[in-house]
Amino acid sequence: MICYHCRTEVTIQDYISRTDECAKCSSDIHCCMNCDNYDQYAHNKCREPHAEWVTDREKANFCDFFVPNRLKASAATESPSRGARSAFDNLFKK
């Protein structure tokens, strides 16, 4: 999985505890922003319909529906704005 905060690949051994932190930036691992169910456009910002509301999605929580994101390091290194900018530039090349 990839840390949402620093975009570093995090190796998961077995179980992710609520207190686990990213080795590089010390941000919480068991949080909505690192969850595969997180969707900013979904109701409750979660694809899991039974999940409870979480006020701070960047902090550790007790959600039982947490699933580590499936991002790989190569996919996370490309920033969305950079990809959009290059697509825009390619559109108007001569």
PDB file of N, CA and C in Angstrom:
ATOM      1  N   MET A   1       0.830  -1.175   0.000  1.00  0.00           N
ATOM      2  CA  MET A   1       0.000   0.000   0.000  1.00  0.00           C
ATOM      3  C   MET A   1       0.872   1.235   0.000  1.00  0.00           C
ATOM      4  N   ILE A   2       0.290   2.366  -0.355  1.00  0.00           N
ATOM      5  CA  ILE A   2       0.996   3.635  -0.433  1.00  0.00           C
ATOM      6  C   ILE A   2       0.443   4.579   0.620  1.00  0.00           C
ATOM      7  N   CYS A   3       1.321   5.222   1.373  1.00  0.00           N
ATOM      8  CA  CYS A   3       0.911   6.210   2.368  1.00  0.00           C
ATOM      9  C   CYS A   3       0.304   7.409   1.646  1.00  0.00           C
ATOM     10  N   TYR A   4      -0.886   7.813   2.035  1.00  0.00           N
ATOM     11  CA  TYR A   4      -1.558   8.935   1.381  1.00  0.00           C
ATOM     12  C   TYR A   4      -0.783  10.238   1.581  1.00  0.00           C
ATOM     13  N   HIS A   5      -0.053  10.354   2.664  1.00  0.00           N
ATOM     14  CA  HIS A   5       0.594  11.620   3.027  1.00  0.00           C
ATOM     15  C   HIS A   5       1.917  11.846   2.297  1.00  0.00           C
ATOM     16  N   CYS A   6       2.799  10.846   2.296  1.00  0.00           N
ATOM     17  CA  CYS A   6       4.130  11.029   1.704  1.00  0.00           C
ATOM     18  C   CYS A   6       4.335  10.217   0.429  1.00  0.00           C
ATOM     19  N   ARG A   7       3.357   9.411   0.047  1.00  0.00           N
ATOM     20  CA  ARG A   7       3.415   8.597  -1.169  1.00  0.00           C
ATOM     21  C   ARG A   7       4.529   7.560  -1.157  1.00  0.00           C
ATOM     22  N   THR A   8       4.888   7.107   0.047  1.00  0.00           N
ATOM     23  CA  THR A   8       5.898   6.072   0.206  1.00  0.00           C
ATOM     24  C   THR A   8       5.207   4.716   0.309  1.00  0.00           C
ATOM     25  N   GLU A   9       5.816   3.709  -0.259  1.00  0.00           N
ATOM     26  CA  GLU A   9       5.240   2.366  -0.163  1.00  0.00           C
ATOM     27  C   GLU A   9       5.409   1.842   1.252  1.00  0.00           C
ATOM     28  N   VAL A  10       4.323   1.338   1.820  1.00  0.00           N
ATOM     29  CA  VAL A  10       4.314   0.800   3.177  1.00  0.00           C
ATOM     30  C   VAL A  10       4.141  -0.707   3.081  1.00  0.00           C
ATOM     31  N   THR A  11       5.039  -1.442   3.704  1.00  0.00           N
ATOM     32  CA  THR A  11       4.954  -2.897   3.698  1.00  0.00           C
ATOM     33  C   THR A  11       4.078  -3.355   4.849  1.00  0.00           C
ATOM     34  N   ILE A  12       3.105  -4.187   4.522  1.00  0.00           N
ATOM     35  CA  ILE A  12       2.172  -4.695   5.527  1.00  0.00           C
ATOM     36  C   ILE A  12       2.492  -6.159   5.790  1.00  0.00           C
ATOM     37  N   GLN A  13       2.770  -6.465   7.051  1.00  0.00           N
ATOM     38  CA  GLN A  13       3.094  -7.845   7.400  1.00  0.00           C
ATOM     39  C   GLN A  13       1.825  -8.676   7.566  1.00  0.00           C
ATOM     40  N   ASP A  14       1.058  -8.431   8.597  1.00  0.00           N
ATOM     41  CA  ASP A  14      -0.152  -9.201   8.843  1.00  0.00           C
ATOM     42  C   ASP A  14      -1.328  -8.275   9.107  1.00  0.00           C
ATOM     43  N   TYR A  15      -1.390  -7.804  10.307  1.00  0.00           N
ATOM     44  CA  TYR A  15      -2.509  -7.014  10.795  1.00  0.00           C
ATOM     45  C   TYR A  15      -2.083  -5.557  10.940  1.00  0.00           C
ATOM     46  N   ILE A  16      -2.948  -4.636  10.540  1.00  0.00           N
ATOM     47  CA  ILE A  16      -2.660  -3.217  10.719  1.00  0.00           C
ATOM     48  C   ILE A  16      -3.364  -2.757  11.984  1.00  0.00           C
ATOM     49  N   SER A  17      -2.582  -2.351  12.945  1.00  0.00           N
ATOM     50  CA  SER A  17      -3.112  -1.865  14.212  1.00  0.00           C
ATOM     51  C   SER A  17      -3.547  -0.411  14.078  1.00  0.00           C
ATOM     52  N   ARG A  18      -4.414   0.023  14.946  1.00  0.00           N
ATOM     53  CA  ARG A  18      -4.858   1.416  14.950  1.00  0.00           C
ATOM     54  C   ARG A  18      -3.698   2.360  15.232  1.00  0.00           C
ATOM     55  N   THR A  19      -2.670   1.899  15.895  1.00  0.00           N
ATOM     56  CA  THR A  19      -1.546   2.751  16.281  1.00  0.00           C
ATOM     57  C   THR A  19      -0.373   2.702  15.301  1.00  0.00           C
ATOM     58  N   ASP A  20      -0.477   1.917  14.242  1.00  0.00           N
ATOM     59  CA  ASP A  20       0.617   1.823  13.269  1.00  0.00           C
ATOM     60  C   ASP A  20       0.795   3.149  12.531  1.00  0.00           C
ATOM     61  N   GLU A  21       2.069   3.494  12.285  1.00  0.00           N
ATOM     62  CA  GLU A  21       2.396   4.740  11.597  1.00  0.00           C
ATOM     63  C   GLU A  21       3.316   4.474  10.423  1.00  0.00           C
ATOM     64  N   CYS A  22       3.310   5.375   9.472  1.00  0.00           N
ATOM     65  CA  CYS A  22       4.223   5.320   8.331  1.00  0.00           C
ATOM     66  C   CYS A  22       5.645   5.521   8.850  1.00  0.00           C
ATOM     67  N   ALA A  23       6.563   4.700   8.396  1.00  0.00           N
ATOM     68  CA  ALA A  23       7.955   4.795   8.861  1.00  0.00           C
ATOM     69  C   ALA A  23       8.620   6.086   8.412  1.00  0.00           C
ATOM     70  N   LYS A  24       8.181   6.650   7.301  1.00  0.00           N
ATOM     71  CA  LYS A  24       8.825   7.852   6.775  1.00  0.00           C
ATOM     72  C   LYS A  24       8.249   9.142   7.362  1.00  0.00           C
ATOM     73  N   CYS A  25       6.916   9.278   7.378  1.00  0.00           N
ATOM     74  CA  CYS A  25       6.319  10.561   7.776  1.00  0.00           C
ATOM     75  C   CYS A  25       5.542  10.503   9.091  1.00  0.00           C
ATOM     76  N   SER A  26       5.431   9.343   9.696  1.00  0.00           N
ATOM     77  CA  SER A  26       4.739   9.135  10.973  1.00  0.00           C
ATOM     78  C   SER A  26       3.243   9.438  10.931  1.00  0.00           C
ATOM     79  N   SER A  27       2.635   9.442   9.750  1.00  0.00           N
ATOM     80  CA  SER A  27       1.185   9.610   9.693  1.00  0.00           C
ATOM     81  C   SER A  27       0.515   8.262   9.970  1.00  0.00           C
ATOM     82  N   ASP A  28      -0.732   8.312  10.429  1.00  0.00           N
ATOM     83  CA  ASP A  28      -1.461   7.100  10.788  1.00  0.00           C
ATOM     84  C   ASP A  28      -1.730   6.243   9.553  1.00  0.00           C
ATOM     85  N   ILE A  29      -1.559   4.944   9.697  1.00  0.00           N
ATOM     86  CA  ILE A  29      -1.819   4.012   8.596  1.00  0.00           C
ATOM     87  C   ILE A  29      -3.290   3.612   8.559  1.00  0.00           C
ATOM     88  N   HIS A  30      -3.871   3.310   9.732  1.00  0.00           N
ATOM     89  CA  HIS A  30      -5.267   2.851   9.807  1.00  0.00           C
ATOM     90  C   HIS A  30      -6.195   4.067   9.802  1.00  0.00           C
ATOM     91  N   CYS A  31      -6.288   4.715   8.649  1.00  0.00           N
ATOM     92  CA  CYS A  31      -7.162   5.885   8.512  1.00  0.00           C
ATOM     93  C   CYS A  31      -7.898   5.802   7.178  1.00  0.00           C
ATOM     94  N   CYS A  32      -8.933   6.588   7.048  1.00  0.00           N
ATOM     95  CA  CYS A  32      -9.764   6.558   5.833  1.00  0.00           C
ATOM     96  C   CYS A  32      -8.964   6.852   4.567  1.00  0.00           C
ATOM     97  N   MET A  33      -8.022   7.768   4.651  1.00  0.00           N
ATOM     98  CA  MET A  33      -7.262   8.173   3.471  1.00  0.00           C
ATOM     99  C   MET A  33      -6.395   7.041   2.918  1.00  0.00           C
ATOM    100  N   ASN A  34      -6.085   6.051   3.725  1.00  0.00           N
ATOM    101  CA  ASN A  34      -5.305   4.896   3.276  1.00  0.00           C
ATOM    102  C   ASN A  34      -6.186   3.688   2.966  1.00  0.00           C
ATOM    103  N   CYS A  35      -7.485   3.855   3.063  1.00  0.00           N
ATOM    104  CA  CYS A  35      -8.414   2.731   2.881  1.00  0.00           C
ATOM    105  C   CYS A  35      -8.870   2.627   1.427  1.00  0.00           C
ATOM    106  N   ASP A  36      -8.996   1.406   0.947  1.00  0.00           N
ATOM    107  CA  ASP A  36      -9.477   1.162  -0.409  1.00  0.00           C
ATOM    108  C   ASP A  36     -10.949   1.536  -0.556  1.00  0.00           C
ATOM    109  N   ASN A  37     -11.685   1.582   0.537  1.00  0.00           N
ATOM    110  CA  ASN A  37     -13.101   1.953   0.504  1.00  0.00           C
ATOM    111  C   ASN A  37     -13.320   3.461   0.453  1.00  0.00           C
ATOM    112  N   TYR A  38     -12.282   4.255   0.691  1.00  0.00           N
ATOM    113  CA  TYR A  38     -12.433   5.709   0.695  1.00  0.00           C
ATOM    114  C   TYR A  38     -12.787   6.207  -0.706  1.00  0.00           C
ATOM    115  N   ASP A  39     -13.832   7.018  -0.775  1.00  0.00           N
ATOM    116  CA  ASP A  39     -14.261   7.626  -2.036  1.00  0.00           C
ATOM    117  C   ASP A  39     -14.877   8.972  -1.698  1.00  0.00           C
ATOM    118  N   GLN A  40     -14.221  10.037  -2.085  1.00  0.00           N
ATOM    119  CA  GLN A  40     -14.688  11.363  -1.702  1.00  0.00           C
ATOM    120  C   GLN A  40     -16.058  11.699  -2.285  1.00  0.00           C
ATOM    121  N   TYR A  41     -16.502  10.965  -3.315  1.00  0.00           N
ATOM    122  CA  TYR A  41     -17.792  11.246  -3.933  1.00  0.00           C
ATOM    123  C   TYR A  41     -18.905  10.330  -3.441  1.00  0.00           C
ATOM    124  N   ALA A  42     -18.578   9.329  -2.663  1.00  0.00           N
ATOM    125  CA  ALA A  42     -19.587   8.397  -2.155  1.00  0.00           C
ATOM    126  C   ALA A  42     -20.278   8.969  -0.922  1.00  0.00           C
ATOM    127  N   HIS A  43     -21.466   8.457  -0.634  1.00  0.00           N
ATOM    128  CA  HIS A  43     -22.159   8.847   0.589  1.00  0.00           C
ATOM    129  C   HIS A  43     -21.269   8.484   1.769  1.00  0.00           C
ATOM    130  N   ASN A  44     -21.142   9.387   2.697  1.00  0.00           N
ATOM    131  CA  ASN A  44     -20.313   9.155   3.885  1.00  0.00           C
ATOM    132  C   ASN A  44     -18.823   9.082   3.535  1.00  0.00           C
ATOM    133  N   LYS A  45     -18.483   9.395   2.282  1.00  0.00           N
ATOM    134  CA  LYS A  45     -17.114   9.328   1.752  1.00  0.00           C
ATOM    135  C   LYS A  45     -16.514   7.930   1.868  1.00  0.00           C
ATOM    136  N   CYS A  46     -17.385   6.931   1.818  1.00  0.00           N
ATOM    137  CA  CYS A  46     -16.953   5.541   1.943  1.00  0.00           C
ATOM    138  C   CYS A  46     -17.835   4.657   1.079  1.00  0.00           C
ATOM    139  N   ARG A  47     -17.234   3.691   0.389  1.00  0.00           N
ATOM    140  CA  ARG A  47     -18.006   2.764  -0.435  1.00  0.00           C
ATOM    141  C   ARG A  47     -18.713   1.701   0.403  1.00  0.00           C
ATOM    142  N   GLU A  48     -18.331   1.573   1.650  1.00  0.00           N
ATOM    143  CA  GLU A  48     -18.971   0.610   2.558  1.00  0.00           C
ATOM    144  C   GLU A  48     -20.213   1.271   3.147  1.00  0.00           C
ATOM    145  N   PRO A  49     -21.414   0.769   2.816  1.00  0.00           N
ATOM    146  CA  PRO A  49     -22.650   1.426   3.262  1.00  0.00           C
ATOM    147  C   PRO A  49     -22.894   1.370   4.770  1.00  0.00           C
ATOM    148  N   HIS A  50     -22.264   0.454   5.473  1.00  0.00           N
ATOM    149  CA  HIS A  50     -22.501   0.314   6.911  1.00  0.00           C
ATOM    150  C   HIS A  50     -21.451   1.022   7.770  1.00  0.00           C
ATOM    151  N   ALA A  51     -20.529   1.697   7.134  1.00  0.00           N
ATOM    152  CA  ALA A  51     -19.476   2.388   7.884  1.00  0.00           C
ATOM    153  C   ALA A  51     -20.051   3.617   8.587  1.00  0.00           C
ATOM    154  N   GLU A  52     -19.550   3.863   9.778  1.00  0.00           N
ATOM    155  CA  GLU A  52     -19.975   5.036  10.538  1.00  0.00           C
ATOM    156  C   GLU A  52     -19.220   6.266  10.049  1.00  0.00           C
ATOM    157  N   TRP A  53     -19.791   7.446  10.315  1.00  0.00           N
ATOM    158  CA  TRP A  53     -19.163   8.699   9.932  1.00  0.00           C
ATOM    159  C   TRP A  53     -17.862   8.889  10.710  1.00  0.00           C
ATOM    160  N   VAL A  54     -16.820   9.297  10.005  1.00  0.00           N
ATOM    161  CA  VAL A  54     -15.529   9.590  10.618  1.00  0.00           C
ATOM    162  C   VAL A  54     -15.265  11.073  10.392  1.00  0.00           C
ATOM    163  N   THR A  55     -15.025  11.802  11.459  1.00  0.00           N
ATOM    164  CA  THR A  55     -14.841  13.244  11.362  1.00  0.00           C
ATOM    165  C   THR A  55     -13.514  13.614  10.719  1.00  0.00           C
ATOM    166  N   ASP A  56     -12.426  13.068  11.210  1.00  0.00           N
ATOM    167  CA  ASP A  56     -11.103  13.379  10.668  1.00  0.00           C
ATOM    168  C   ASP A  56     -10.569  12.157   9.942  1.00  0.00           C
ATOM    169  N   ARG A  57     -10.596  12.180   8.640  1.00  0.00           N
ATOM    170  CA  ARG A  57     -10.234  11.022   7.818  1.00  0.00           C
ATOM    171  C   ARG A  57      -8.726  10.800   7.709  1.00  0.00           C
ATOM    172  N   GLU A  58      -7.937  11.735   8.199  1.00  0.00           N
ATOM    173  CA  GLU A  58      -6.485  11.589   8.165  1.00  0.00           C
ATOM    174  C   GLU A  58      -5.934  11.010   9.463  1.00  0.00           C
ATOM    175  N   LYS A  59      -6.768  10.819  10.456  1.00  0.00           N
ATOM    176  CA  LYS A  59      -6.340  10.294  11.757  1.00  0.00           C
ATOM    177  C   LYS A  59      -6.796   8.841  11.908  1.00  0.00           C
ATOM    178  N   ALA A  60      -6.114   8.123  12.769  1.00  0.00           N
ATOM    179  CA  ALA A  60      -6.442   6.720  13.032  1.00  0.00           C
ATOM    180  C   ALA A  60      -7.862   6.594  13.560  1.00  0.00           C
ATOM    181  N   ASN A  61      -8.525   5.493  13.190  1.00  0.00           N
ATOM    182  CA  ASN A  61      -9.888   5.256  13.650  1.00  0.00           C
ATOM    183  C   ASN A  61     -10.085   3.766  13.935  1.00  0.00           C
ATOM    184  N   PHE A  62     -11.270   3.429  14.408  1.00  0.00           N
ATOM    185  CA  PHE A  62     -11.575   2.048  14.795  1.00  0.00           C
ATOM    186  C   PHE A  62     -12.442   1.329  13.759  1.00  0.00           C
ATOM    187  N   CYS A  63     -12.491   1.810  12.536  1.00  0.00           N
ATOM    188  CA  CYS A  63     -13.370   1.233  11.517  1.00  0.00           C
ATOM    189  C   CYS A  63     -13.015  -0.233  11.251  1.00  0.00           C
ATOM    190  N   ASP A  64     -14.026  -1.090  11.312  1.00  0.00           N
ATOM    191  CA  ASP A  64     -13.824  -2.513  11.051  1.00  0.00           C
ATOM    192  C   ASP A  64     -13.796  -2.828   9.559  1.00  0.00           C
ATOM    193  N   PHE A  65     -14.160  -1.852   8.722  1.00  0.00           N
ATOM    194  CA  PHE A  65     -14.207  -2.065   7.282  1.00  0.00           C
ATOM    195  C   PHE A  65     -12.928  -1.611   6.576  1.00  0.00           C
ATOM    196  N   PHE A  66     -11.900  -1.262   7.345  1.00  0.00           N
ATOM    197  CA  PHE A  66     -10.645  -0.784   6.762  1.00  0.00           C
ATOM    198  C   PHE A  66     -10.002  -1.859   5.900  1.00  0.00           C
ATOM    199  N   VAL A  67      -9.673  -1.481   4.665  1.00  0.00           N
ATOM    200  CA  VAL A  67      -8.960  -2.346   3.723  1.00  0.00           C
ATOM    201  C   VAL A  67      -7.808  -1.509   3.164  1.00  0.00           C
ATOM    202  N   PRO A  68      -6.550  -1.927   3.332  1.00  0.00           N
ATOM    203  CA  PRO A  68      -5.431  -1.139   2.835  1.00  0.00           C
ATOM    204  C   PRO A  68      -5.568  -0.868   1.336  1.00  0.00           C
ATOM    205  N   ASN A  69      -5.226   0.351   0.918  1.00  0.00           N
ATOM    206  CA  ASN A  69      -5.335   0.665  -0.506  1.00  0.00           C
ATOM    207  C   ASN A  69      -4.421  -0.244  -1.317  1.00  0.00           C
ATOM    208  N   ARG A  70      -4.763  -0.416  -2.565  1.00  0.00           N
ATOM    209  CA  ARG A  70      -4.028  -1.340  -3.428  1.00  0.00           C
ATOM    210  C   ARG A  70      -3.088  -0.619  -4.380  1.00  0.00           C
ATOM    211  N   LEU A  71      -2.761   0.624  -4.053  1.00  0.00           N
ATOM    212  CA  LEU A  71      -1.882   1.402  -4.915  1.00  0.00           C
ATOM    213  C   LEU A  71      -0.470   0.847  -4.879  1.00  0.00           C
ATOM    214  N   LYS A  72       0.206   0.969  -5.969  1.00  0.00           N
ATOM    215  CA  LYS A  72       1.611   0.576  -6.067  1.00  0.00           C
ATOM    216  C   LYS A  72       2.446   1.843  -6.157  1.00  0.00           C
ATOM    217  N   ALA A  73       3.710   1.751  -5.845  1.00  0.00           N
ATOM    218  CA  ALA A  73       4.587   2.926  -5.819  1.00  0.00           C
ATOM    219  C   ALA A  73       4.629   3.635  -7.166  1.00  0.00           C
ATOM    220  N   SER A  74       4.630   2.904  -8.262  1.00  0.00           N
ATOM    221  CA  SER A  74       4.710   3.545  -9.578  1.00  0.00           C
ATOM    222  C   SER A  74       3.454   4.353  -9.881  1.00  0.00           C
ATOM    223  N   ALA A  75       2.293   3.909  -9.446  1.00  0.00           N
ATOM    224  CA  ALA A  75       1.047   4.631  -9.703  1.00  0.00           C
ATOM    225  C   ALA A  75       0.919   5.859  -8.819  1.00  0.00           C
ATOM    226  N   ALA A  76       1.512   5.836  -7.657  1.00  0.00           N
ATOM    227  CA  ALA A  76       1.366   6.941  -6.721  1.00  0.00           C
ATOM    228  C   ALA A  76       2.369   8.064  -6.965  1.00  0.00           C
ATOM    229  N   THR A  77       3.436   7.806  -7.685  1.00  0.00           N
ATOM    230  CA  THR A  77       4.441   8.845  -7.887  1.00  0.00           C
ATOM    231  C   THR A  77       3.984   9.898  -8.879  1.00  0.00           C
ATOM    232  N   GLU A  78       3.138   9.554  -9.822  1.00  0.00           N
ATOM    233  CA  GLU A  78       2.624  10.507 -10.794  1.00  0.00           C
ATOM    234  C   GLU A  78       1.519  11.325 -10.150  1.00  0.00           C
ATOM    235  N   SER A  79       1.735  12.625 -10.052  1.00  0.00           N
ATOM    236  CA  SER A  79       0.712  13.477  -9.448  1.00  0.00           C
ATOM    237  C   SER A  79      -0.402  13.717 -10.456  1.00  0.00           C
ATOM    238  N   PRO A  80      -1.645  13.789 -10.005  1.00  0.00           N
ATOM    239  CA  PRO A  80      -2.769  14.013 -10.916  1.00  0.00           C
ATOM    240  C   PRO A  80      -2.640  15.324 -11.684  1.00  0.00           C
ATOM    241  N   SER A  81      -2.131  16.359 -11.040  1.00  0.00           N
ATOM    242  CA  SER A  81      -2.008  17.645 -11.720  1.00  0.00           C
ATOM    243  C   SER A  81      -0.955  17.593 -12.822  1.00  0.00           C
ATOM    244  N   ARG A  82       0.106  16.837 -12.602  1.00  0.00           N
ATOM    245  CA  ARG A  82       1.143  16.713 -13.626  1.00  0.00           C
ATOM    246  C   ARG A  82       0.603  15.983 -14.842  1.00  0.00           C
ATOM    247  N   GLY A  83      -0.164  14.926 -14.623  1.00  0.00           N
ATOM    248  CA  GLY A  83      -0.759  14.185 -15.735  1.00  0.00           C
ATOM    249  C   GLY A  83      -1.744  15.038 -16.508  1.00  0.00           C
ATOM    250  N   ALA A  84      -2.541  15.828 -15.809  1.00  0.00           N
ATOM    251  CA  ALA A  84      -3.506  16.714 -16.456  1.00  0.00           C
ATOM    252  C   ALA A  84      -2.788  17.798 -17.247  1.00  0.00           C
ATOM    253  N   ARG A  85      -1.717  18.330 -16.685  1.00  0.00           N
ATOM    254  CA  ARG A  85      -0.958  19.382 -17.370  1.00  0.00           C
ATOM    255  C   ARG A  85      -0.322  18.851 -18.644  1.00  0.00           C
ATOM    256  N   SER A  86       0.254  17.661 -18.591  1.00  0.00           N
ATOM    257  CA  SER A  86       0.880  17.106 -19.796  1.00  0.00           C
ATOM    258  C   SER A  86      -0.176  16.779 -20.857  1.00  0.00           C
ATOM    259  N   ALA A  87      -1.349  16.324 -20.449  1.00  0.00           N
ATOM    260  CA  ALA A  87      -2.428  16.064 -21.408  1.00  0.00           C
ATOM    261  C   ALA A  87      -2.884  17.365 -22.066  1.00  0.00           C
ATOM    262  N   PHE A  88      -2.965  18.430 -21.285  1.00  0.00           N
ATOM    263  CA  PHE A  88      -3.344  19.745 -21.809  1.00  0.00           C
ATOM    264  C   PHE A  88      -2.296  20.242 -22.799  1.00  0.00           C
ATOM    265  N   ASP A  89      -1.022  20.119 -22.434  1.00  0.00           N
ATOM    266  CA  ASP A  89       0.048  20.555 -23.324  1.00  0.00           C
ATOM    267  C   ASP A  89       0.068  19.762 -24.626  1.00  0.00           C
ATOM    268  N   ASN A  90      -0.175  18.463 -24.536  1.00  0.00           N
ATOM    269  CA  ASN A  90      -0.198  17.623 -25.738  1.00  0.00           C
ATOM    270  C   ASN A  90      -1.364  17.971 -26.657  1.00  0.00           C
ATOM    271  N   LEU A  91      -2.426  18.460 -26.107  1.00  0.00           N
ATOM    272  CA  LEU A  91      -3.614  18.812 -26.872  1.00  0.00           C
ATOM    273  C   LEU A  91      -3.325  19.990 -27.808  1.00  0.00           C
ATOM    274  N   PHE A  92      -2.494  20.916 -27.352  1.00  0.00           N
ATOM    275  CA  PHE A  92      -2.243  22.122 -28.119  1.00  0.00           C
ATOM    276  C   PHE A  92      -0.841  22.177 -28.740  1.00  0.00           C
ATOM    277  N   LYS A  93      -0.199  21.039 -28.883  1.00  0.00           N
ATOM    278  CA  LYS A  93       1.103  20.997 -29.561  1.00  0.00           C
ATOM    279  C   LYS A  93       0.919  21.255 -31.046  1.00  0.00           C
ATOM    280  N   LYS A  94       1.917  21.861 -31.655  1.00  0.00           N
ATOM    281  CA  LYS A  94       1.866  22.120 -33.101  1.00  0.00           C
ATOM    282  C   LYS A  94       2.573  21.042 -33.864  1.00  0.00           C
TER     283      LYS A  94
END
